[in-house]
Amino acid sequence: MNKISLYLFLVLLYLGLSKGLSPSQQTTLYIENENSLSQAFTGSPLSLILMESIQTGFLITTYFHRYKAIYVFKESEEIIARTSESYWKKNLPHLGLSIFRRDDTEENAESTTPLPPGSLFIGNHSYGSWETTAEDQRLWVFNNAYRTFPEIFYWDDFQPSYEFYQRLKAHEEHKIPFFGMNKEFGTEGSITMKYFKSDTKATERFKFNLFDKVLAYFKDSSKSTPADETAQPTTTPIEEIAPFLGEKIEAPKKEAGDEYE
């Protein structure tokens, strides 16, 4: 097989795998920017949480978001949407945050400011109330009908204080993302990191390393120097592909009598 045929074979193989492993672009919802969310998601009240940022492709990269749409009068649902590169990159710090909300207390009450999950329902007495602790601290408590909300919002043992609520409303009013009083939420948030994993950096590193290896292969193949049959083949370090295997991989231990390092 000559070099051109091999190259075409690799391209076709890649395209086939990409189509088979990636969500269909014809049927997947497309989100160009935050303004697209209002038309893409209907109903109220609604809180949209960014669950995952995904990029697929080798020669051509496609960007996806996985959302969790939380309603009050029907079950939550997860949606995968294709996004523009700029919107995808803009939301890299916002994993686990509510990036779109629509209230039902007034017409067209919408917000696209990234806020901690559940922000739409805090302070709304239709869903809960403020209770004062023995330490004279006001904490938000959901009514029994909505007692599962903290679990749905991935709050862990977090409970919003009135100070948290005031800070949240100020950020929303000025359209400034809010990650919590102590950075509990968002991609680098202490609570969010317990439930969400972001392999964006690892994905990018692996993608470009693989691309460099393909280029190096064709570059080396163009040389007329015969291959050294005694040389040991190079392999991709296992640390680079571990994030894509779904479990922790440890480097194999050398056994007694191994011939090579």
Protein backbone atom coordinates (compact mmCIF):
# COMPACT_ATOMS: atom_id res chain seq x y z
CA MET A 1 0.00 0.00 0.00
CA ASN A 2 1.59 3.31 -1.06
CA LYS A 3 1.61 6.41 1.12
CA ILE A 4 -1.33 8.14 -0.62
CA SER A 5 -3.55 5.08 -0.35
CA LEU A 6 -2.63 4.64 3.29
CA TYR A 7 -3.39 8.28 4.01
CA LEU A 8 -6.80 8.07 2.31
CA PHE A 9 -7.56 4.88 4.21
CA LEU A 10 -6.77 6.56 7.54
CA VAL A 11 -8.92 9.58 6.68
CA LEU A 12 -11.89 7.40 5.68
CA LEU A 13 -11.45 5.27 8.77
CA TYR A 14 -11.42 8.37 10.96
CA LEU A 15 -14.52 9.81 9.33
CA GLY A 16 -16.34 6.52 9.75
CA LEU A 17 -15.42 6.25 13.41
CA SER A 18 -16.30 9.90 14.05
CA LYS A 19 -19.75 9.45 12.56
CA GLY A 20 -20.33 6.24 14.43
CA LEU A 21 -19.18 7.52 17.84
CA SER A 22 -20.45 11.10 17.75
CA PRO A 23 -24.04 12.31 18.17
CA SER A 24 -25.71 12.95 14.82
CA GLN A 25 -25.26 16.56 13.79
CA GLN A 26 -28.46 16.45 11.74
CA THR A 27 -30.65 15.57 14.72
CA THR A 28 -28.74 17.24 17.57
CA LEU A 29 -29.89 20.57 18.95
CA TYR A 30 -27.51 23.43 18.07
CA ILE A 31 -26.69 26.22 20.53
CA GLU A 32 -24.74 29.09 18.99
CA ASN A 33 -24.69 31.32 22.08
CA GLU A 34 -26.63 32.05 25.27
CA ASN A 35 -29.38 33.75 23.27
CA SER A 36 -30.20 30.42 21.60
CA LEU A 37 -31.21 28.82 24.90
CA SER A 38 -34.51 30.69 25.18
CA GLN A 39 -35.84 29.27 21.90
CA ALA A 40 -34.29 25.83 22.37
CA PHE A 41 -35.87 25.15 25.78
CA THR A 42 -39.52 25.78 26.52
CA GLY A 43 -41.61 25.74 29.67
CA SER A 44 -41.28 27.31 33.09
CA PRO A 45 -40.06 27.22 35.74
CA LEU A 46 -36.89 25.82 34.21
CA SER A 47 -33.27 25.58 35.35
CA LEU A 48 -30.63 24.32 32.90
CA ILE A 49 -27.45 22.86 34.41
CA LEU A 50 -24.28 22.31 32.36
CA MET A 51 -23.34 18.68 33.05
CA GLU A 52 -20.49 18.08 30.63
CA SER A 53 -18.40 19.72 27.91
CA ILE A 54 -17.43 17.37 25.09
CA GLN A 55 -15.29 17.79 21.99
CA THR A 56 -15.03 15.13 19.30
CA GLY A 57 -13.15 14.81 16.06
CA PHE A 58 -9.56 14.59 14.90
CA LEU A 59 -9.20 16.70 11.78
CA ILE A 60 -12.43 18.63 12.37
CA THR A 61 -13.46 19.28 15.96
CA THR A 62 -17.12 19.38 16.96
CA TYR A 63 -18.27 20.77 20.30
CA PHE A 64 -21.11 19.50 22.49
CA HIS A 65 -22.76 20.29 25.81
CA ARG A 66 -24.71 17.88 27.97
CA TYR A 67 -27.43 19.67 29.91
CA LYS A 68 -29.78 18.68 32.70
CA ALA A 69 -33.10 20.48 32.38
CA ILE A 70 -34.84 20.72 35.75
CA TYR A 71 -38.57 21.39 35.82
CA VAL A 72 -41.07 21.50 38.68
CA PHE A 73 -44.11 19.88 37.11
CA LYS A 74 -42.36 17.10 35.19
CA GLU A 75 -39.26 14.94 35.51
CA SER A 76 -35.82 16.29 34.76
CA GLU A 77 -34.24 15.33 31.46
CA GLU A 78 -30.75 15.30 29.98
CA ILE A 79 -30.09 16.79 26.54
CA ILE A 80 -27.00 16.77 24.33
CA ALA A 81 -26.61 19.87 22.17
CA ARG A 82 -24.00 20.85 19.62
CA THR A 83 -22.50 24.28 20.29
CA SER A 84 -20.31 26.83 18.60
CA GLU A 85 -16.63 26.73 19.53
CA SER A 86 -16.77 30.19 21.11
CA TYR A 87 -19.76 29.36 23.33
CA TRP A 88 -18.20 26.02 24.31
CA LYS A 89 -14.96 27.70 25.37
CA LYS A 90 -16.82 30.49 27.16
CA ASN A 91 -18.51 27.93 29.40
CA LEU A 92 -15.46 25.85 30.31
CA PRO A 93 -15.37 27.36 33.84
CA HIS A 94 -19.12 26.83 34.32
CA LEU A 95 -19.42 23.06 34.74
CA GLY A 96 -22.18 22.22 37.21
CA LEU A 97 -23.67 25.72 37.11
CA SER A 98 -27.14 26.77 36.03
CA ILE A 99 -26.48 28.61 32.76
CA PHE A 100 -30.12 29.35 31.90
CA ARG A 101 -33.22 29.93 34.01
CA ARG A 102 -36.82 30.85 33.28
CA ASP A 103 -39.17 31.83 36.10
CA ASP A 104 -42.94 31.63 36.00
CA THR A 105 -43.61 34.55 38.35
CA GLU A 106 -43.56 37.08 35.54
CA GLU A 107 -43.62 36.95 31.75
CA ASN A 108 -40.28 36.30 30.01
CA ALA A 109 -38.33 36.29 33.30
CA GLU A 110 -35.14 34.72 31.95
CA SER A 111 -31.46 34.80 32.91
CA THR A 112 -28.32 33.38 31.27
CA THR A 113 -25.88 34.45 33.99
CA PRO A 114 -24.06 31.31 35.26
CA LEU A 115 -25.11 30.75 38.89
CA PRO A 116 -24.99 27.83 41.36
CA PRO A 117 -27.54 25.10 40.58
CA GLY A 118 -30.90 25.67 42.20
CA SER A 119 -30.53 29.44 42.28
CA LEU A 120 -33.92 29.85 40.61
CA PHE A 121 -35.72 28.32 43.60
CA ILE A 122 -33.80 29.87 46.52
CA GLY A 123 -35.77 32.66 48.18
CA ASN A 124 -39.01 31.71 46.40
CA HIS A 125 -41.53 30.89 49.15
CA SER A 126 -43.46 28.62 46.80
CA TYR A 127 -40.64 26.10 47.29
CA GLY A 128 -39.30 26.71 50.79
CA SER A 129 -38.62 29.17 53.59
CA TRP A 130 -35.88 30.74 55.68
CA GLU A 131 -35.23 29.14 59.05
CA THR A 132 -33.13 30.67 61.82
CA THR A 133 -30.61 28.41 63.55
CA ALA A 134 -29.53 28.50 67.19
CA GLU A 135 -26.51 30.50 66.02
CA ASP A 136 -28.92 33.11 64.63
CA GLN A 137 -28.07 32.19 61.01
CA ARG A 138 -30.80 32.17 58.37
CA LEU A 139 -30.70 29.08 56.14
CA TRP A 140 -32.90 28.10 53.21
CA VAL A 141 -34.99 24.94 53.70
CA PHE A 142 -37.13 23.40 50.94
CA ASN A 143 -40.70 22.33 51.61
CA ASN A 144 -41.38 18.60 51.91
CA ALA A 145 -42.75 18.49 48.37
CA TYR A 146 -39.33 19.60 47.09
CA ARG A 147 -37.09 17.88 49.64
CA THR A 148 -35.21 16.05 46.85
CA PHE A 149 -34.10 19.31 45.22
CA PRO A 150 -30.69 19.45 46.99
CA GLU A 151 -29.90 16.01 45.58
CA ILE A 152 -31.05 17.01 42.10
CA PHE A 153 -28.86 20.14 42.28
CA TYR A 154 -25.78 18.16 43.47
CA TRP A 155 -25.47 20.26 46.61
CA ASP A 156 -23.89 17.56 48.76
CA ASP A 157 -24.27 18.93 52.34
CA PHE A 158 -24.43 22.57 51.19
CA GLN A 159 -27.29 24.70 52.53
CA PRO A 160 -27.74 28.29 51.24
CA SER A 161 -27.55 31.09 53.77
CA TYR A 162 -29.31 34.43 53.44
CA GLU A 163 -25.93 36.07 52.83
CA PHE A 164 -25.37 33.61 49.97
CA TYR A 165 -28.77 34.53 48.55
CA GLN A 166 -28.03 38.28 48.69
CA ARG A 167 -24.69 37.80 46.94
CA LEU A 168 -26.34 35.57 44.32
CA LYS A 169 -29.01 38.17 43.48
CA ALA A 170 -26.38 40.92 43.19
CA HIS A 171 -24.35 38.86 40.72
CA GLU A 172 -27.44 38.03 38.69
CA GLU A 173 -28.52 41.67 38.57
CA HIS A 174 -25.10 42.75 37.26
CA LYS A 175 -24.80 39.67 35.01
CA ILE A 176 -21.60 38.43 36.67
CA PRO A 177 -21.10 34.65 37.10
CA PHE A 178 -21.27 33.52 40.72
CA PHE A 179 -19.43 30.43 42.01
CA GLY A 180 -20.50 30.55 45.65
CA MET A 181 -19.20 32.29 48.76
CA ASN A 182 -16.20 29.95 48.90
CA LYS A 183 -16.03 28.84 45.26
CA GLU A 184 -18.09 25.71 45.95
CA PHE A 185 -19.51 25.50 42.42
CA GLY A 186 -18.24 25.65 38.84
CA THR A 187 -15.55 23.60 37.13
CA GLU A 188 -13.02 24.22 39.91
CA GLY A 189 -15.62 24.26 42.69
CA SER A 190 -15.08 22.03 45.72
CA ILE A 191 -18.63 20.59 45.59
CA THR A 192 -18.93 20.38 41.81
CA MET A 193 -15.67 18.44 41.53
CA LYS A 194 -17.19 15.64 43.65
CA TYR A 195 -19.85 14.96 41.02
CA PHE A 196 -18.42 16.13 37.71
CA LYS A 197 -15.18 15.32 35.93
CA SER A 198 -13.71 17.54 33.24
CA ASP A 199 -11.23 15.80 30.92
CA THR A 200 -11.00 18.75 28.54
CA LYS A 201 -7.28 19.30 29.04
CA ALA A 202 -6.52 15.60 28.80
CA THR A 203 -8.64 15.32 25.66
CA GLU A 204 -6.84 18.20 23.99
CA ARG A 205 -3.43 16.83 24.98
CA PHE A 206 -4.22 13.39 23.64
CA LYS A 207 -5.73 14.75 20.43
CA PHE A 208 -2.70 16.84 19.53
CA ASN A 209 -0.21 14.17 20.56
CA LEU A 210 -1.95 11.72 18.25
CA PHE A 211 -1.93 14.26 15.41
CA ASP A 212 1.79 14.87 15.92
CA LYS A 213 2.46 11.13 15.80
CA VAL A 214 0.61 10.78 12.47
CA LEU A 215 2.60 13.67 10.99
CA ALA A 216 5.81 12.19 12.31
CA TYR A 217 4.92 8.84 10.74
CA PHE A 218 4.54 10.29 7.25
CA LYS A 219 7.62 12.43 7.70
CA ASP A 220 9.73 9.44 8.72
CA SER A 221 8.22 7.29 5.97
CA SER A 222 9.45 9.72 3.32
CA LYS A 223 13.07 8.99 4.22
CA SER A 224 14.93 6.35 2.24
CA THR A 225 16.91 5.09 5.22
CA PRO A 226 15.98 1.45 5.91
CA ALA A 227 14.32 0.73 9.22
CA ASP A 228 16.37 -0.67 12.05
CA GLU A 229 14.80 -4.07 12.68
CA THR A 230 16.42 -4.31 16.11
CA ALA A 231 14.88 -1.05 17.38
CA GLN A 232 12.00 -1.32 19.83
CA PRO A 233 8.72 0.37 18.78
CA THR A 234 7.64 3.51 20.59
CA THR A 235 4.27 3.49 22.34
CA THR A 236 1.93 6.14 23.64
CA PRO A 237 2.47 6.49 27.41
CA ILE A 238 -0.40 4.86 29.27
CA GLU A 239 -0.89 8.01 31.33
CA GLU A 240 -2.05 9.83 28.17
CA ILE A 241 -4.84 7.41 27.33
CA ALA A 242 -5.95 6.55 30.86
CA PRO A 243 -8.61 9.32 31.00
CA PHE A 244 -10.38 7.76 28.02
CA LEU A 245 -10.62 4.22 29.39
CA GLY A 246 -13.15 4.94 32.13
CA GLU A 247 -11.04 3.64 34.99
CA LYS A 248 -7.70 4.20 36.64
CA ILE A 249 -4.89 2.44 34.80
CA GLU A 250 -1.58 1.69 36.42
CA ALA A 251 1.63 1.18 34.52
CA PRO A 252 2.50 -2.53 34.30
CA LYS A 253 5.09 -3.73 36.77
CA LYS A 254 8.26 -5.27 35.43
CA GLU A 255 8.56 -8.97 36.12
CA ALA A 256 11.79 -10.79 36.75
CA GLY A 257 13.40 -11.79 33.50
CA ASP A 258 11.92 -8.97 31.41
CA GLU A 259 14.24 -8.42 28.49
CA TYR A 260 13.54 -4.76 27.87
CA GLU A 261 13.16 -1.68 30.07
